[in-house]
């Protein structure tokens, strides 16, 4: 998205092995002359991003630990959520998210050319347990206690985002930086992920697509998840649009396409039946699962208003990722 808008992009990545994979992505191919890479193997170091931010005008910080194969896996028909020790949750999920955000902000203070930092946060920062409250950019969740934070990977992820957000707000108050900050708070991000190319990876646990796909390819999620989603294209669009100096800085924006009433995860099955009937008939899309939806009223309309955005709805999200999966299946037959 940034490349399409004419920006030169420096990508900070953890592993050199990712460079060629990124370069082969169709969206990058026309812009290879506008991309360079810097390796940041460990975000927890206080000076980890010092080299990466030299000479840049804008920073988009999207890196954060998310549920991965060590904590969320799958068999042919089950989503598995594995427990970690309290120490492991802190070391692998919570602390890296907080320190990574704090460190990139500190690095940006050393570079006078930085005008704005855009941070990928999460709608969970604003979600409470109250299912009757309409959650918007003013309903900041309390800091979870340690018993909650380490009960499972999703609680740890929520905790990491709440703490990273609070660290950002404290930084604004105490450091009074020369740049502005915008926090982007997406709900479950759904849609085609062009760096995943095999059927197994596309429906696997590497992205939040595992949640909407659970009723289609597995028994469903093992616990209720909030019925809040947004298309990956809308998330990408807002991250780049937020760089525009016409957008006032030091703001937060929830991204959620489902409206206050949200979506129901099992609706994905009806969408698939209607949009991919041949694949269903062939058994490529088994539709044998059921995922419970936790009601969470979320208002993402402020981002629509400010960015002139029309969210892609849940049907478009499901069609995007299921379509990618079926294309990958076809490639395996060639």
Protein backbone atom coordinates (compact mmCIF):
# COMPACT_ATOMS: atom_id res chain seq x y z
CA UNK A 1 0.00 0.00 0.00
CA UNK A 2 2.77 2.46 0.92
CA UNK A 3 4.68 1.55 -2.24
CA UNK A 4 1.59 2.12 -4.37
CA UNK A 5 1.30 5.58 -2.83
CA UNK A 6 4.84 6.46 -3.93
CA UNK A 7 6.68 6.05 -0.62
CA UNK A 8 10.14 4.55 -0.44
CA UNK A 9 10.01 1.79 2.15
CA UNK A 10 12.63 0.40 4.51
CA UNK A 11 11.50 -2.90 5.98
CA UNK A 12 12.84 -3.91 9.38
CA UNK A 13 12.70 -7.70 9.52
CA UNK A 14 13.91 -10.29 12.01
CA UNK A 15 15.45 -12.80 9.60
CA UNK A 16 17.42 -12.33 6.41
CA UNK A 17 15.68 -15.41 5.00
CA UNK A 18 12.46 -13.37 4.71
CA UNK A 19 13.92 -10.93 2.18
CA UNK A 20 13.54 -13.07 -0.94
CA UNK A 21 10.04 -14.15 0.07
CA UNK A 22 8.96 -10.53 0.40
CA UNK A 23 10.60 -9.57 -2.90
CA UNK A 24 8.64 -12.25 -4.75
CA UNK A 25 5.28 -11.00 -3.44
CA UNK A 26 3.19 -9.72 -6.37
CA UNK A 27 2.48 -6.40 -4.65
CA UNK A 28 6.23 -5.73 -4.26
CA UNK A 29 7.36 -6.76 -7.71
CA UNK A 30 6.72 -3.40 -9.46
CA UNK A 31 8.47 -1.49 -6.66
CA UNK A 32 11.69 -3.38 -5.89
CA UNK A 33 13.76 -0.27 -6.51
CA UNK A 34 11.88 1.51 -3.72
CA UNK A 35 12.48 -1.12 -1.03
CA UNK A 36 15.44 -1.70 1.22
CA UNK A 37 15.84 -3.96 4.24
CA UNK A 38 17.41 -3.79 7.68
CA UNK A 39 17.73 -6.77 10.02
CA UNK A 40 16.44 -6.29 13.59
CA UNK A 41 16.88 -9.70 15.17
CA UNK A 42 15.87 -8.68 18.68
CA UNK A 43 13.34 -5.90 19.25
CA UNK A 44 13.93 -5.97 23.00
CA UNK A 45 17.27 -4.16 22.81
CA UNK A 46 17.01 -0.48 23.73
CA UNK A 47 18.86 0.58 20.57
CA UNK A 48 17.42 -2.16 18.35
CA UNK A 49 15.80 0.27 15.89
CA UNK A 50 18.41 3.04 15.91
CA UNK A 51 19.81 2.09 12.50
CA UNK A 52 16.42 1.28 11.02
CA UNK A 53 14.96 4.75 11.60
CA UNK A 54 17.91 6.80 10.34
CA UNK A 55 16.77 9.29 7.71
CA UNK A 56 13.10 8.24 7.66
CA UNK A 57 10.11 10.56 7.76
CA UNK A 58 7.53 8.07 8.99
CA UNK A 59 7.52 4.87 11.04
CA UNK A 60 4.84 2.16 10.85
CA UNK A 61 5.33 -0.31 13.69
CA UNK A 62 3.39 -3.50 12.99
CA UNK A 63 5.61 -6.11 14.62
CA UNK A 64 4.27 -7.78 17.74
CA UNK A 65 4.20 -11.36 19.03
CA UNK A 66 0.99 -13.14 18.05
CA UNK A 67 -0.34 -16.65 18.67
CA UNK A 68 1.88 -19.01 16.70
CA UNK A 69 2.51 -22.73 16.18
CA UNK A 70 3.93 -23.16 19.70
CA UNK A 71 0.69 -22.00 21.28
CA UNK A 72 -2.00 -22.41 18.62
CA UNK A 73 -1.95 -25.44 16.36
CA UNK A 74 -4.32 -27.68 14.49
CA UNK A 75 -4.94 -31.25 13.58
CA UNK A 76 -7.10 -32.15 10.60
CA UNK A 77 -10.23 -31.11 12.45
CA UNK A 78 -9.26 -29.37 15.69
CA UNK A 79 -7.85 -26.01 16.76
CA UNK A 80 -5.45 -26.61 19.65
CA UNK A 81 -4.60 -23.92 22.18
CA UNK A 82 -1.61 -24.95 24.26
CA UNK A 83 -0.73 -23.60 27.68
CA UNK A 84 2.60 -22.00 28.47
CA UNK A 85 4.11 -21.27 31.84
CA UNK A 86 3.53 -17.85 33.37
CA UNK A 87 7.18 -17.00 32.74
CA UNK A 88 6.92 -18.07 29.09
CA UNK A 89 3.84 -15.93 28.45
CA UNK A 90 5.67 -12.90 29.80
CA UNK A 91 8.91 -13.67 27.97
CA UNK A 92 7.48 -14.56 24.55
CA UNK A 93 4.31 -12.47 24.24
CA UNK A 94 3.82 -9.71 26.80
CA UNK A 95 7.27 -8.23 27.37
CA UNK A 96 8.41 -8.21 23.70
CA UNK A 97 5.29 -6.28 22.68
CA UNK A 98 5.85 -3.62 25.33
CA UNK A 99 9.61 -3.29 24.91
CA UNK A 100 9.41 -3.36 21.10
CA UNK A 101 6.98 -0.44 21.08
CA UNK A 102 8.92 1.52 23.69
CA UNK A 103 12.22 0.96 21.90
CA UNK A 104 11.06 2.10 18.48
CA UNK A 105 9.60 5.25 20.03
CA UNK A 106 12.87 5.98 21.80
CA UNK A 107 14.82 5.42 18.59
CA UNK A 108 12.51 7.82 16.74
CA UNK A 109 13.25 10.58 19.27
CA UNK A 110 16.88 10.52 18.09
CA UNK A 111 15.97 11.26 14.45
CA UNK A 112 14.75 14.82 13.73
CA UNK A 113 13.30 13.82 10.35
CA UNK A 114 10.61 11.57 11.89
CA UNK A 115 7.23 13.28 11.60
CA UNK A 116 4.84 10.54 12.69
CA UNK A 117 4.80 7.02 14.13
CA UNK A 118 1.84 4.76 13.32
CA UNK A 119 1.48 1.79 15.67
CA UNK A 120 -0.57 -1.34 15.07
CA UNK A 121 -2.37 -1.93 18.34
CA UNK A 122 -5.59 -3.91 18.80
CA UNK A 123 -9.27 -3.33 19.43
CA UNK A 124 -8.81 -5.47 22.54
CA UNK A 125 -7.26 -2.39 24.20
CA UNK A 126 -10.79 -0.97 24.34
CA UNK A 127 -12.74 -4.15 25.07
CA UNK A 128 -14.07 -4.89 28.55
CA UNK A 129 -16.08 -7.87 29.77
CA UNK A 130 -19.27 -5.79 29.68
CA UNK A 131 -21.27 -7.07 26.72
CA UNK A 132 -23.79 -4.22 26.95
CA UNK A 133 -21.28 -1.37 26.57
CA UNK A 134 -20.60 0.03 23.11
CA UNK A 135 -16.82 0.09 22.99
CA UNK A 136 -15.12 2.95 21.18
CA UNK A 137 -11.85 4.86 21.40
CA UNK A 138 -12.69 6.08 24.91
CA UNK A 139 -13.31 2.76 26.69
CA UNK A 140 -9.77 1.74 27.59
CA UNK A 141 -9.63 -1.68 29.24
CA UNK A 142 -8.10 -1.99 32.72
CA UNK A 143 -4.69 -3.59 33.11
CA UNK A 144 -5.30 -7.34 33.50
CA UNK A 145 -3.99 -9.05 36.60
CA UNK A 146 -1.34 -11.72 36.20
CA UNK A 147 -3.76 -14.61 36.73
CA UNK A 148 -5.84 -13.48 33.75
CA UNK A 149 -2.86 -12.44 31.61
CA UNK A 150 -1.27 -15.87 31.68
CA UNK A 151 -4.31 -18.14 31.45
CA UNK A 152 -3.95 -18.66 27.67
CA UNK A 153 -2.30 -17.16 24.60
CA UNK A 154 -5.22 -14.88 23.76
CA UNK A 155 -5.32 -13.40 27.25
CA UNK A 156 -1.57 -12.84 27.03
CA UNK A 157 -1.96 -11.15 23.65
CA UNK A 158 -4.71 -8.88 25.01
CA UNK A 159 -2.52 -8.01 27.98
CA UNK A 160 0.47 -7.23 25.76
CA UNK A 161 -1.59 -4.79 23.71
CA UNK A 162 -3.07 -3.04 26.75
CA UNK A 163 0.36 -2.60 28.33
CA UNK A 164 2.00 -1.46 25.07
CA UNK A 165 -0.76 1.09 24.53
CA UNK A 166 -0.42 2.44 28.05
CA UNK A 167 3.35 2.66 27.58
CA UNK A 168 2.75 4.70 24.41
CA UNK A 169 0.42 7.10 26.23
CA UNK A 170 2.94 7.50 29.05
CA UNK A 171 5.68 8.17 26.48
CA UNK A 172 3.61 10.95 24.93
CA UNK A 173 3.11 12.56 28.32
CA UNK A 174 6.68 12.30 29.58
CA UNK A 175 8.91 12.47 26.48
CA UNK A 176 6.81 15.04 24.59
CA UNK A 177 8.33 13.90 21.27
CA UNK A 178 8.79 16.09 18.19
CA UNK A 179 6.61 13.66 16.22
CA UNK A 180 2.98 12.58 16.55
CA UNK A 181 1.62 9.09 17.12
CA UNK A 182 -1.45 7.36 15.73
CA UNK A 183 -2.59 4.00 17.12
CA UNK A 184 -4.51 1.74 14.75
CA UNK A 185 -6.73 -0.74 16.61
CA UNK A 186 -7.96 -3.49 14.27
CA UNK A 187 -10.29 -6.26 15.32
CA UNK A 188 -9.67 -9.79 13.94
CA UNK A 189 -7.93 -9.15 10.60
CA UNK A 190 -9.34 -11.36 7.84
CA UNK A 191 -8.34 -11.71 4.20
CA UNK A 192 -5.78 -12.89 1.68
CA UNK A 193 -2.20 -13.05 2.97
CA UNK A 194 0.02 -13.10 -0.10
CA UNK A 195 3.12 -14.37 1.74
CA UNK A 196 1.30 -17.60 2.59
CA UNK A 197 1.18 -19.78 -0.51
CA UNK A 198 0.38 -23.36 0.56
CA UNK A 199 -3.08 -24.58 1.58
CA UNK A 200 -1.69 -25.73 4.93
CA UNK A 201 -0.22 -22.31 5.75
CA UNK A 202 -3.29 -20.39 4.61
CA UNK A 203 -5.63 -22.23 7.00
CA UNK A 204 -2.98 -22.72 9.68
CA UNK A 205 -2.33 -20.76 12.88
CA UNK A 206 0.09 -18.16 11.47
CA UNK A 207 -2.52 -15.39 11.16
CA UNK A 208 -5.84 -14.36 12.70
CA UNK A 209 -7.54 -16.01 9.70
CA UNK A 210 -7.50 -19.16 11.82
CA UNK A 211 -10.52 -17.82 13.74
CA UNK A 212 -13.02 -17.22 10.88
CA UNK A 213 -11.82 -20.38 9.12
CA UNK A 214 -12.32 -22.62 12.15
CA UNK A 215 -16.01 -23.44 11.45
CA UNK A 216 -15.13 -24.19 7.82
CA UNK A 217 -12.09 -26.44 8.24
CA UNK A 218 -12.17 -27.59 11.86
CA UNK A 219 -14.58 -28.28 14.69
CA UNK A 220 -14.51 -24.58 15.53
CA UNK A 221 -12.62 -22.50 18.07
CA UNK A 222 -12.36 -24.10 21.52
CA UNK A 223 -13.75 -20.99 23.22
CA UNK A 224 -15.96 -18.02 22.21
CA UNK A 225 -14.24 -15.19 20.35
CA UNK A 226 -15.57 -11.62 19.99
CA UNK A 227 -17.57 -11.17 16.78
CA UNK A 228 -15.41 -8.34 15.49
CA UNK A 229 -13.57 -8.41 12.13
CA UNK A 230 -11.99 -6.16 9.51
CA UNK A 231 -10.61 -6.84 6.03
CA UNK A 232 -6.82 -6.80 5.71
CA UNK A 233 -7.11 -4.35 2.79
CA UNK A 234 -8.87 -1.81 5.01
CA UNK A 235 -6.20 -2.21 7.69
CA UNK A 236 -3.42 -1.60 5.16
CA UNK A 237 -5.23 1.40 3.71
CA UNK A 238 -5.66 3.13 7.06
CA UNK A 239 -2.05 2.56 8.14
CA UNK A 240 -0.79 4.44 5.08
CA UNK A 241 -3.58 7.04 5.08
CA UNK A 242 -2.68 7.84 8.70
CA UNK A 243 0.66 9.23 7.49
CA UNK A 244 -1.14 12.16 5.85
CA UNK A 245 -0.37 15.35 7.82
CA UNK A 246 -3.98 16.41 7.27
CA UNK A 247 -4.93 13.70 9.78
CA UNK A 248 -4.49 15.14 13.25
CA UNK A 249 -1.88 13.28 15.26
CA UNK A 250 -1.99 11.61 18.69
CA UNK A 251 -5.27 9.82 17.98
CA UNK A 252 -6.55 6.25 18.19
CA UNK A 253 -8.71 4.54 15.57
CA UNK A 254 -10.68 1.32 15.95
CA UNK A 255 -11.04 -0.67 12.73
CA UNK A 256 -14.08 -2.93 12.76
CA UNK A 257 -16.44 -3.65 9.88
CA UNK A 258 -19.27 -5.43 11.69
CA UNK A 259 -21.00 -2.44 13.22
CA UNK A 260 -22.13 -2.33 16.82
CA UNK A 261 -23.92 -5.69 16.57
CA UNK A 262 -20.88 -7.45 15.11
CA UNK A 263 -20.79 -10.74 13.21
CA UNK A 264 -21.43 -14.39 14.01
CA UNK A 265 -18.53 -16.70 13.23
CA UNK A 266 -20.76 -19.50 11.98
CA UNK A 267 -22.17 -17.18 9.30
CA UNK A 268 -18.95 -17.96 7.42
CA UNK A 269 -20.42 -21.37 6.55
CA UNK A 270 -23.50 -19.88 4.89
CA UNK A 271 -21.30 -17.47 2.93
CA UNK A 272 -19.14 -20.34 1.72
CA UNK A 273 -22.15 -22.43 0.71
CA UNK A 274 -23.48 -19.55 -1.37
CA UNK A 275 -20.22 -18.35 -2.93
CA UNK A 276 -18.31 -21.63 -3.39
CA UNK A 277 -20.98 -24.33 -3.95
CA UNK A 278 -18.80 -26.53 -6.20
CA UNK A 279 -15.95 -26.61 -3.71
CA UNK A 280 -18.40 -27.52 -0.94
CA UNK A 281 -19.87 -30.30 -3.05
CA UNK A 282 -16.38 -31.69 -3.75
CA UNK A 283 -15.61 -31.75 -0.03
CA UNK A 284 -12.84 -29.13 -0.25
CA UNK A 285 -14.71 -27.01 2.30
CA UNK A 286 -16.12 -29.44 4.89
CA UNK A 287 -18.18 -26.90 6.93
CA UNK A 288 -18.43 -29.29 9.88
CA UNK A 289 -17.43 -26.94 12.69
CA UNK A 290 -19.17 -24.43 14.91
CA UNK A 291 -17.57 -21.49 16.72
CA UNK A 292 -19.35 -19.66 19.51
CA UNK A 293 -19.39 -15.87 19.26
CA UNK A 294 -18.84 -13.65 22.27
CA UNK A 295 -20.97 -10.54 21.95
CA UNK A 296 -18.76 -7.45 21.94
CA UNK A 297 -20.29 -4.20 20.82
CA UNK A 298 -17.63 -2.21 18.95
CA UNK A 299 -17.99 1.12 17.15
CA UNK A 300 -15.43 1.54 14.37
CA UNK A 301 -17.27 4.38 12.64
CA UNK A 302 -14.78 7.11 13.55
CA UNK A 303 -12.16 5.64 11.21
CA UNK A 304 -14.75 5.49 8.43
CA UNK A 305 -15.52 9.16 8.94
CA UNK A 306 -11.94 10.42 9.23
CA UNK A 307 -10.42 8.33 6.43
CA UNK A 308 -13.43 8.33 4.08
CA UNK A 309 -13.48 4.55 4.39
CA UNK A 310 -16.20 2.08 3.45
CA UNK A 311 -15.40 -1.18 5.23
CA UNK A 312 -15.40 -4.43 3.29
CA UNK A 313 -17.95 -6.61 5.06
CA UNK A 314 -17.63 -10.09 6.55
CA UNK A 315 -18.69 -11.75 3.30
CA UNK A 316 -15.92 -10.02 1.36
CA UNK A 317 -13.45 -11.03 4.05
CA UNK A 318 -14.44 -14.71 3.91
CA UNK A 319 -14.48 -14.77 0.10
CA UNK A 320 -10.98 -13.28 0.07
CA UNK A 321 -9.33 -15.88 2.28
CA UNK A 322 -11.33 -18.92 1.10
CA UNK A 323 -10.69 -17.89 -2.50
CA UNK A 324 -6.95 -17.77 -1.79
CA UNK A 325 -7.12 -21.23 -0.20
CA UNK A 326 -8.90 -22.75 -3.21
CA UNK A 327 -6.38 -21.16 -5.59
CA UNK A 328 -3.57 -22.74 -3.59
CA UNK A 329 -5.30 -26.13 -3.72
CA UNK A 330 -5.51 -25.84 -7.51
CA UNK A 331 -1.79 -25.05 -7.73
CA UNK A 332 -0.94 -28.25 -5.87
CA UNK A 333 -2.70 -30.23 -8.62
CA UNK A 334 -0.57 -28.74 -11.40
